[in-house]
Amino acid sequence: MTNDEKIKRQEIIGTISIFIESYIFSLIAFFLSYNNIRKIIPNWTNILNVFKSLSSLEIDQVTFFSQTIVTAILAFVNATVGFLLIIRKRPLQKPKGFLEIFIPTVSTYFWITYNAIPYIPKELNFYLVPMNTLLFFSFTGSIVVLAGCVISAIAVFNLRRSFSVIIQVRNIVKHGLYRYVRHPMYFGYVVTAIGLSMTSPQFFFIFLTLIHVILLFFRAYLEEKKLAAYSREYRKYMQNTPFLFPIKFKKLT
């Protein structure tokens, strides 16, 4: 295969992947939003009862309330993602290569693997904390999940029409949360994943969380590599803004 044929092949693959991202992934996002709303509606009476007794809530009620808020945020975020995938700007550079399509897709939909937890044998999915602390971890984890969802939702809003799932080049965003870290959306995902593992601190759950976090780091690395190769503005942005966590580490000399 000649170099021109490789470039043409990459162009075709990039065009197909963007079409799938714009219309198939958007439909998936709308479906997930619909599914989130369906979870909230049957519990509407319980939610109102929690509001009526805010001054004397039990821990399990606080956990339920927090999880309901998380579900509501996810409904909003998924609907927003579906909308943005349809109306976003054309890419300045399309995805090239298998990793730029595969890794972001897997890391985006890795949440689905958590649904397999109930089917894992107990021998492989034992609890890593004392049983009398499970309520504390469940409550604390729900708050952490809520914080992670809020961070990701704000980051998606900051991106607006520059949002994408598959790695491609669009306008560089440096406002909002992007003033503090280069990847606030992925930071929110990491916080959410950690929070989820806290709500159920089991071996296999934490094992999946570790894989998920590694995928998110690798996704951010691939995205940066593409953006830095394309944009001098982004290379300068990298020098002044932390990578994933809002902490700037000093280089050792």
Foldseek 3Di string as FASTA:
>chain_A
DDPVVLVVVQVVVLVVLLVCFLPVVLVVLQVLLVVLVVVLVVCVVVLVVCVVPVVDDDLVSLLVNLVNLLSNLSSVQSNQSSVLSNPADDFPWTDGDDCLRPLLVCLVPLVVVVVCVVVDDCVQWPAPDDPVCLSVLLSQLSVLLSVLSVQLSQVCVQCRRVDGRGQTHDDQGCDDCNVQEVCSNLLSVLSNLVSVCSNPVINVSVVSSVVSNVSSVVNLVVNLVNHVVPDPVSVVSPVNHHYRDSDDDDDDD
